[in-house]
Amino acid sequence: EHMKFGDGAEDVANLFEHWKDFISMSPRDIMLIPDITAEQRRKLDKYITLFNHGLWPRVSPDIFKERFKGTLDSEGEPWTPEHDQWLLELAKLYDVNFGDPWLYISWQMQRREDDVQQRYVELVVKQRERKTQHEFAITKASRPLHMHRSFRIIPADLYIVPSEENFPLAENRFELPNAFQKYRQDDIF
């Protein structure tokens, strides 16, 4: 499959003695190639990246599936106490509270990413949340607020009502100050 590089393809090819020198170029190296247009630089960067990830030149769907097929060594196996301990060690190593480390942890454990993340939720997150108390309110704008800073932003009009089992609710201790009593609407809040 051709990348339709345009004029000067032979000149660029002649700049490199070996194929591995060409295909291992970084974006900075591509910027140093003389006499090519910005479009040609973008194409080189795109196709070198695709080639290095096994996605170019394009192959038939059957060859693609064959190239990337396979199962992980521990995929589908039941969790053991040793695996749980290893998961907790990797979670600490990769700091699960920063970024999205599940791909790396799952590869090391040879399990699916969602399987590893769900197991961590069962072992750590649910246990931790059961020990804390949460406040839940629905604002006048009908957008839920789960007042706990470790939760991600919730899309508008999506109601998530946590279960009492996993998220013990704090005692309702809300008191409206006297200055605001005249604005209170009992049918809203």
C-alpha atoms as a PDB file:
ATOM      1  CA  GLU A   1       0.000   0.000   0.000  1.00  0.00           C
ATOM      2  CA  HIS A   2       1.384   3.383  -0.970  1.00  0.00           C
ATOM      3  CA  MET A   3       1.285   6.463   1.200  1.00  0.00           C
ATOM      4  CA  LYS A   4       1.182   8.926  -1.742  1.00  0.00           C
ATOM      5  CA  PHE A   5       4.181  10.888  -0.493  1.00  0.00           C
ATOM      6  CA  GLY A   6       4.488  13.079  -3.570  1.00  0.00           C
ATOM      7  CA  ASP A   7       7.588  14.562  -5.209  1.00  0.00           C
ATOM      8  CA  GLY A   8      10.948  13.877  -3.635  1.00  0.00           C
ATOM      9  CA  ALA A   9      10.206  10.397  -2.233  1.00  0.00           C
ATOM     10  CA  GLU A  10      13.346   8.951  -3.820  1.00  0.00           C
ATOM     11  CA  ASP A  11      15.465  11.820  -2.488  1.00  0.00           C
ATOM     12  CA  VAL A  12      14.196  11.204   1.048  1.00  0.00           C
ATOM     13  CA  ALA A  13      14.785   7.457   0.699  1.00  0.00           C
ATOM     14  CA  ASN A  14      18.367   8.103  -0.425  1.00  0.00           C
ATOM     15  CA  LEU A  15      19.080  10.016   2.810  1.00  0.00           C
ATOM     16  CA  PHE A  16      19.004   6.732   4.732  1.00  0.00           C
ATOM     17  CA  GLU A  17      21.496   3.922   4.357  1.00  0.00           C
ATOM     18  CA  HIS A  18      19.337   1.302   6.111  1.00  0.00           C
ATOM     19  CA  TRP A  19      15.596   0.712   6.504  1.00  0.00           C
ATOM     20  CA  LYS A  20      15.939   0.605  10.310  1.00  0.00           C
ATOM     21  CA  ASP A  21      17.411   4.127  10.278  1.00  0.00           C
ATOM     22  CA  PHE A  22      14.374   5.376   8.391  1.00  0.00           C
ATOM     23  CA  ILE A  23      11.681   3.544  10.315  1.00  0.00           C
ATOM     24  CA  SER A  24      13.096   4.454  13.741  1.00  0.00           C
ATOM     25  CA  MET A  25      12.871   8.209  13.141  1.00  0.00           C
ATOM     26  CA  SER A  26      11.308  10.379  15.818  1.00  0.00           C
ATOM     27  CA  PRO A  27       9.160  13.426  15.017  1.00  0.00           C
ATOM     28  CA  ARG A  28      12.211  15.585  15.748  1.00  0.00           C
ATOM     29  CA  ASP A  29      14.243  13.602  13.164  1.00  0.00           C
ATOM     30  CA  ILE A  30      11.490  14.075  10.591  1.00  0.00           C
ATOM     31  CA  MET A  31      11.685  17.846  11.097  1.00  0.00           C
ATOM     32  CA  LEU A  32      15.381  17.721  10.103  1.00  0.00           C
ATOM     33  CA  ILE A  33      14.726  16.220   6.649  1.00  0.00           C
ATOM     34  CA  PRO A  34      15.454  18.953   4.085  1.00  0.00           C
ATOM     35  CA  ASP A  35      13.248  20.036   1.178  1.00  0.00           C
ATOM     36  CA  ILE A  36       9.931  18.381   2.073  1.00  0.00           C
ATOM     37  CA  THR A  37       6.597  20.021   2.739  1.00  0.00           C
ATOM     38  CA  ALA A  38       4.709  20.099   6.049  1.00  0.00           C
ATOM     39  CA  GLU A  39       2.138  17.695   4.558  1.00  0.00           C
ATOM     40  CA  GLN A  40       4.910  15.225   3.681  1.00  0.00           C
ATOM     41  CA  ARG A  41       6.291  15.499   7.224  1.00  0.00           C
ATOM     42  CA  ARG A  42       2.847  14.733   8.670  1.00  0.00           C
ATOM     43  CA  LYS A  43       2.486  11.720   6.371  1.00  0.00           C
ATOM     44  CA  LEU A  44       5.912  10.385   7.340  1.00  0.00           C
ATOM     45  CA  ASP A  45       5.124  10.746  11.041  1.00  0.00           C
ATOM     46  CA  LYS A  46       1.702   9.124  10.644  1.00  0.00           C
ATOM     47  CA  TYR A  47       2.862   6.142   8.589  1.00  0.00           C
ATOM     48  CA  ILE A  48       6.002   5.486  10.653  1.00  0.00           C
ATOM     49  CA  THR A  49       3.858   5.447  13.804  1.00  0.00           C
ATOM     50  CA  LEU A  50       1.304   3.127  12.186  1.00  0.00           C
ATOM     51  CA  PHE A  51       4.063   0.819  10.927  1.00  0.00           C
ATOM     52  CA  ASN A  52       5.715   0.629  14.350  1.00  0.00           C
ATOM     53  CA  HIS A  53       2.374  -0.407  15.883  1.00  0.00           C
ATOM     54  CA  GLY A  54       1.773  -3.101  13.256  1.00  0.00           C
ATOM     55  CA  LEU A  55      -1.102  -1.204  11.625  1.00  0.00           C
ATOM     56  CA  TRP A  56       0.484  -0.360   8.257  1.00  0.00           C
ATOM     57  CA  PRO A  57       0.575  -1.518   5.556  1.00  0.00           C
ATOM     58  CA  ARG A  58      -3.029  -2.602   5.948  1.00  0.00           C
ATOM     59  CA  VAL A  59      -3.707  -6.306   5.943  1.00  0.00           C
ATOM     60  CA  SER A  60      -6.857  -8.351   5.527  1.00  0.00           C
ATOM     61  CA  PRO A  61      -9.125  -8.677   8.590  1.00  0.00           C
ATOM     62  CA  ASP A  62      -8.148 -12.348   8.936  1.00  0.00           C
ATOM     63  CA  ILE A  63      -4.419 -11.566   9.051  1.00  0.00           C
ATOM     64  CA  PHE A  64      -5.082  -8.678  11.464  1.00  0.00           C
ATOM     65  CA  LYS A  65      -7.021 -10.953  13.838  1.00  0.00           C
ATOM     66  CA  GLU A  66      -4.309 -13.596  13.613  1.00  0.00           C
ATOM     67  CA  ARG A  67      -1.606 -11.026  14.362  1.00  0.00           C
ATOM     68  CA  PHE A  68      -3.341  -9.661  17.469  1.00  0.00           C
ATOM     69  CA  LYS A  69      -5.164 -12.714  18.776  1.00  0.00           C
ATOM     70  CA  GLY A  70      -4.401 -14.448  21.978  1.00  0.00           C
ATOM     71  CA  THR A  71      -5.487 -14.643  25.532  1.00  0.00           C
ATOM     72  CA  LEU A  72      -3.768 -13.502  28.644  1.00  0.00           C
ATOM     73  CA  ASP A  73      -2.194 -16.184  30.841  1.00  0.00           C
ATOM     74  CA  SER A  74      -4.447 -15.569  33.870  1.00  0.00           C
ATOM     75  CA  GLU A  75      -7.559 -14.488  31.984  1.00  0.00           C
ATOM     76  CA  GLY A  76     -10.717 -15.976  33.447  1.00  0.00           C
ATOM     77  CA  GLU A  77      -8.975 -17.654  36.383  1.00  0.00           C
ATOM     78  CA  PRO A  78     -10.474 -17.212  39.850  1.00  0.00           C
ATOM     79  CA  TRP A  79      -8.810 -14.714  42.148  1.00  0.00           C
ATOM     80  CA  THR A  80      -6.592 -16.155  44.865  1.00  0.00           C
ATOM     81  CA  PRO A  81      -5.292 -14.425  48.001  1.00  0.00           C
ATOM     82  CA  GLU A  82      -1.849 -14.304  46.334  1.00  0.00           C
ATOM     83  CA  HIS A  83      -3.306 -12.555  43.266  1.00  0.00           C
ATOM     84  CA  ASP A  84      -5.169 -10.129  45.535  1.00  0.00           C
ATOM     85  CA  GLN A  85      -1.950  -9.284  47.357  1.00  0.00           C
ATOM     86  CA  TRP A  86      -0.086  -8.838  44.072  1.00  0.00           C
ATOM     87  CA  LEU A  87      -2.862  -6.548  42.817  1.00  0.00           C
ATOM     88  CA  LEU A  88      -2.584  -4.391  45.932  1.00  0.00           C
ATOM     89  CA  GLU A  89       1.212  -4.178  45.546  1.00  0.00           C
ATOM     90  CA  LEU A  90       0.892  -3.168  41.877  1.00  0.00           C
ATOM     91  CA  ALA A  91      -1.840  -0.660  42.738  1.00  0.00           C
ATOM     92  CA  LYS A  92       0.525   0.959  45.208  1.00  0.00           C
ATOM     93  CA  LEU A  93       3.437   0.846  42.750  1.00  0.00           C
ATOM     94  CA  TYR A  94       1.431   2.426  39.903  1.00  0.00           C
ATOM     95  CA  ASP A  95      -0.513   4.794  42.236  1.00  0.00           C
ATOM     96  CA  VAL A  96      -4.101   4.108  41.252  1.00  0.00           C
ATOM     97  CA  ASN A  97      -5.125   7.528  42.571  1.00  0.00           C
ATOM     98  CA  PHE A  98      -3.155   9.259  39.825  1.00  0.00           C
ATOM     99  CA  GLY A  99      -3.963   8.771  36.169  1.00  0.00           C
ATOM    100  CA  ASP A 100      -5.209   5.526  34.683  1.00  0.00           C
ATOM    101  CA  PRO A 101      -2.770   2.697  35.511  1.00  0.00           C
ATOM    102  CA  TRP A 102      -5.149  -0.222  34.886  1.00  0.00           C
ATOM    103  CA  LEU A 103      -3.720  -1.110  31.476  1.00  0.00           C
ATOM    104  CA  TYR A 104      -0.240  -1.583  32.970  1.00  0.00           C
ATOM    105  CA  ILE A 105      -1.459  -3.463  36.023  1.00  0.00           C
ATOM    106  CA  SER A 106      -3.630  -5.741  33.895  1.00  0.00           C
ATOM    107  CA  TRP A 107      -0.728  -6.533  31.561  1.00  0.00           C
ATOM    108  CA  GLN A 108       1.552  -7.448  34.459  1.00  0.00           C
ATOM    109  CA  MET A 109      -1.139  -9.637  35.995  1.00  0.00           C
ATOM    110  CA  GLN A 110      -2.076 -11.096  32.572  1.00  0.00           C
ATOM    111  CA  ARG A 111      -5.776 -10.367  33.141  1.00  0.00           C
ATOM    112  CA  ARG A 112      -8.335  -8.145  31.430  1.00  0.00           C
ATOM    113  CA  GLU A 113      -8.281  -4.476  32.419  1.00  0.00           C
ATOM    114  CA  ASP A 114     -11.910  -4.389  33.603  1.00  0.00           C
ATOM    115  CA  ASP A 115     -11.400  -7.587  35.622  1.00  0.00           C
ATOM    116  CA  VAL A 116      -8.434  -6.068  37.470  1.00  0.00           C
ATOM    117  CA  GLN A 117     -10.176  -2.766  38.085  1.00  0.00           C
ATOM    118  CA  GLN A 118     -13.361  -4.435  39.374  1.00  0.00           C
ATOM    119  CA  ARG A 119     -11.352  -6.613  41.734  1.00  0.00           C
ATOM    120  CA  TYR A 120      -9.597  -3.525  43.109  1.00  0.00           C
ATOM    121  CA  VAL A 121     -12.976  -1.882  43.658  1.00  0.00           C
ATOM    122  CA  GLU A 122     -14.159  -4.939  45.600  1.00  0.00           C
ATOM    123  CA  LEU A 123     -10.990  -5.175  47.699  1.00  0.00           C
ATOM    124  CA  VAL A 124     -10.278  -1.530  48.411  1.00  0.00           C
ATOM    125  CA  VAL A 125     -12.806   1.025  47.255  1.00  0.00           C
ATOM    126  CA  LYS A 126     -15.979  -0.579  48.627  1.00  0.00           C
ATOM    127  CA  GLN A 127     -14.305  -1.359  51.939  1.00  0.00           C
ATOM    128  CA  ARG A 128     -13.030   2.209  52.259  1.00  0.00           C
ATOM    129  CA  GLU A 129     -16.378   3.760  51.302  1.00  0.00           C
ATOM    130  CA  ARG A 130     -18.276   1.611  53.787  1.00  0.00           C
ATOM    131  CA  LYS A 131     -16.192   3.166  56.573  1.00  0.00           C
ATOM    132  CA  THR A 132     -16.962   6.780  55.602  1.00  0.00           C
ATOM    133  CA  GLN A 133     -20.180   8.766  55.616  1.00  0.00           C
ATOM    134  CA  HIS A 134     -21.551  10.638  52.619  1.00  0.00           C
ATOM    135  CA  GLU A 135     -24.032  13.385  51.993  1.00  0.00           C
ATOM    136  CA  PHE A 136     -26.372  13.223  49.053  1.00  0.00           C
ATOM    137  CA  ALA A 137     -28.402  16.127  47.723  1.00  0.00           C
ATOM    138  CA  ILE A 138     -30.374  16.956  44.609  1.00  0.00           C
ATOM    139  CA  THR A 139     -29.984  20.604  43.751  1.00  0.00           C
ATOM    140  CA  LYS A 140     -32.704  22.907  42.468  1.00  0.00           C
ATOM    141  CA  ALA A 141     -31.199  22.528  39.007  1.00  0.00           C
ATOM    142  CA  SER A 142     -31.966  18.777  39.328  1.00  0.00           C
ATOM    143  CA  ARG A 143     -28.336  17.843  39.070  1.00  0.00           C
ATOM    144  CA  PRO A 144     -27.127  15.422  41.709  1.00  0.00           C
ATOM    145  CA  LEU A 145     -24.275  16.317  43.975  1.00  0.00           C
ATOM    146  CA  HIS A 146     -22.428  13.549  45.695  1.00  0.00           C
ATOM    147  CA  MET A 147     -20.410  15.546  48.143  1.00  0.00           C
ATOM    148  CA  HIS A 148     -17.288  13.459  48.241  1.00  0.00           C
ATOM    149  CA  ARG A 149     -14.222  14.803  46.473  1.00  0.00           C
ATOM    150  CA  SER A 150     -12.832  11.518  45.214  1.00  0.00           C
ATOM    151  CA  PHE A 151     -15.677  11.026  42.738  1.00  0.00           C
ATOM    152  CA  ARG A 152     -15.435  12.192  39.157  1.00  0.00           C
ATOM    153  CA  ILE A 153     -17.746  14.812  37.685  1.00  0.00           C
ATOM    154  CA  ILE A 154     -21.178  13.376  36.987  1.00  0.00           C
ATOM    155  CA  PRO A 155     -22.872  14.316  33.681  1.00  0.00           C
ATOM    156  CA  ALA A 156     -25.955  16.489  33.959  1.00  0.00           C
ATOM    157  CA  ASP A 157     -29.266  14.733  34.698  1.00  0.00           C
ATOM    158  CA  LEU A 158     -27.682  11.425  35.605  1.00  0.00           C
ATOM    159  CA  TYR A 159     -28.985  10.296  38.965  1.00  0.00           C
ATOM    160  CA  ILE A 160     -26.788   7.940  40.909  1.00  0.00           C
ATOM    161  CA  VAL A 161     -28.229   6.994  44.240  1.00  0.00           C
ATOM    162  CA  PRO A 162     -25.622   5.118  46.250  1.00  0.00           C
ATOM    163  CA  SER A 163     -26.747   2.160  48.273  1.00  0.00           C
ATOM    164  CA  GLU A 164     -26.746   2.433  52.044  1.00  0.00           C
ATOM    165  CA  GLU A 165     -24.683  -0.764  52.088  1.00  0.00           C
ATOM    166  CA  ASN A 166     -21.700   0.705  50.230  1.00  0.00           C
ATOM    167  CA  PHE A 167     -22.124   4.390  51.052  1.00  0.00           C
ATOM    168  CA  PRO A 168     -23.458   4.955  54.578  1.00  0.00           C
ATOM    169  CA  LEU A 169     -25.298   8.280  54.584  1.00  0.00           C
ATOM    170  CA  ALA A 170     -24.421  10.901  57.152  1.00  0.00           C
ATOM    171  CA  GLU A 171     -27.098  12.080  59.545  1.00  0.00           C
ATOM    172  CA  ASN A 172     -29.076  14.983  58.112  1.00  0.00           C
ATOM    173  CA  ARG A 173     -27.903  17.986  60.122  1.00  0.00           C
ATOM    174  CA  PHE A 174     -28.828  20.749  57.693  1.00  0.00           C
ATOM    175  CA  GLU A 175     -30.206  23.911  59.225  1.00  0.00           C
ATOM    176  CA  LEU A 176     -31.206  26.871  57.112  1.00  0.00           C
ATOM    177  CA  PRO A 177     -29.984  30.154  58.608  1.00  0.00           C
ATOM    178  CA  ASN A 178     -32.752  32.512  59.774  1.00  0.00           C
ATOM    179  CA  ALA A 179     -31.844  35.096  57.137  1.00  0.00           C
ATOM    180  CA  PHE A 180     -32.769  32.595  54.407  1.00  0.00           C
ATOM    181  CA  GLN A 181     -35.954  31.183  55.966  1.00  0.00           C
ATOM    182  CA  LYS A 182     -38.200  33.501  53.944  1.00  0.00           C
ATOM    183  CA  TYR A 183     -36.783  32.059  50.678  1.00  0.00           C
ATOM    184  CA  ARG A 184     -37.354  28.437  51.627  1.00  0.00           C
ATOM    185  CA  GLN A 185     -39.696  26.461  49.406  1.00  0.00           C
ATOM    186  CA  ASP A 186     -40.697  23.234  51.097  1.00  0.00           C
ATOM    187  CA  ASP A 187     -41.704  21.580  47.828  1.00  0.00           C
ATOM    188  CA  ILE A 188     -38.164  21.963  46.452  1.00  0.00           C
ATOM    189  CA  PHE A 189     -35.976  21.183  49.441  1.00  0.00           C
END
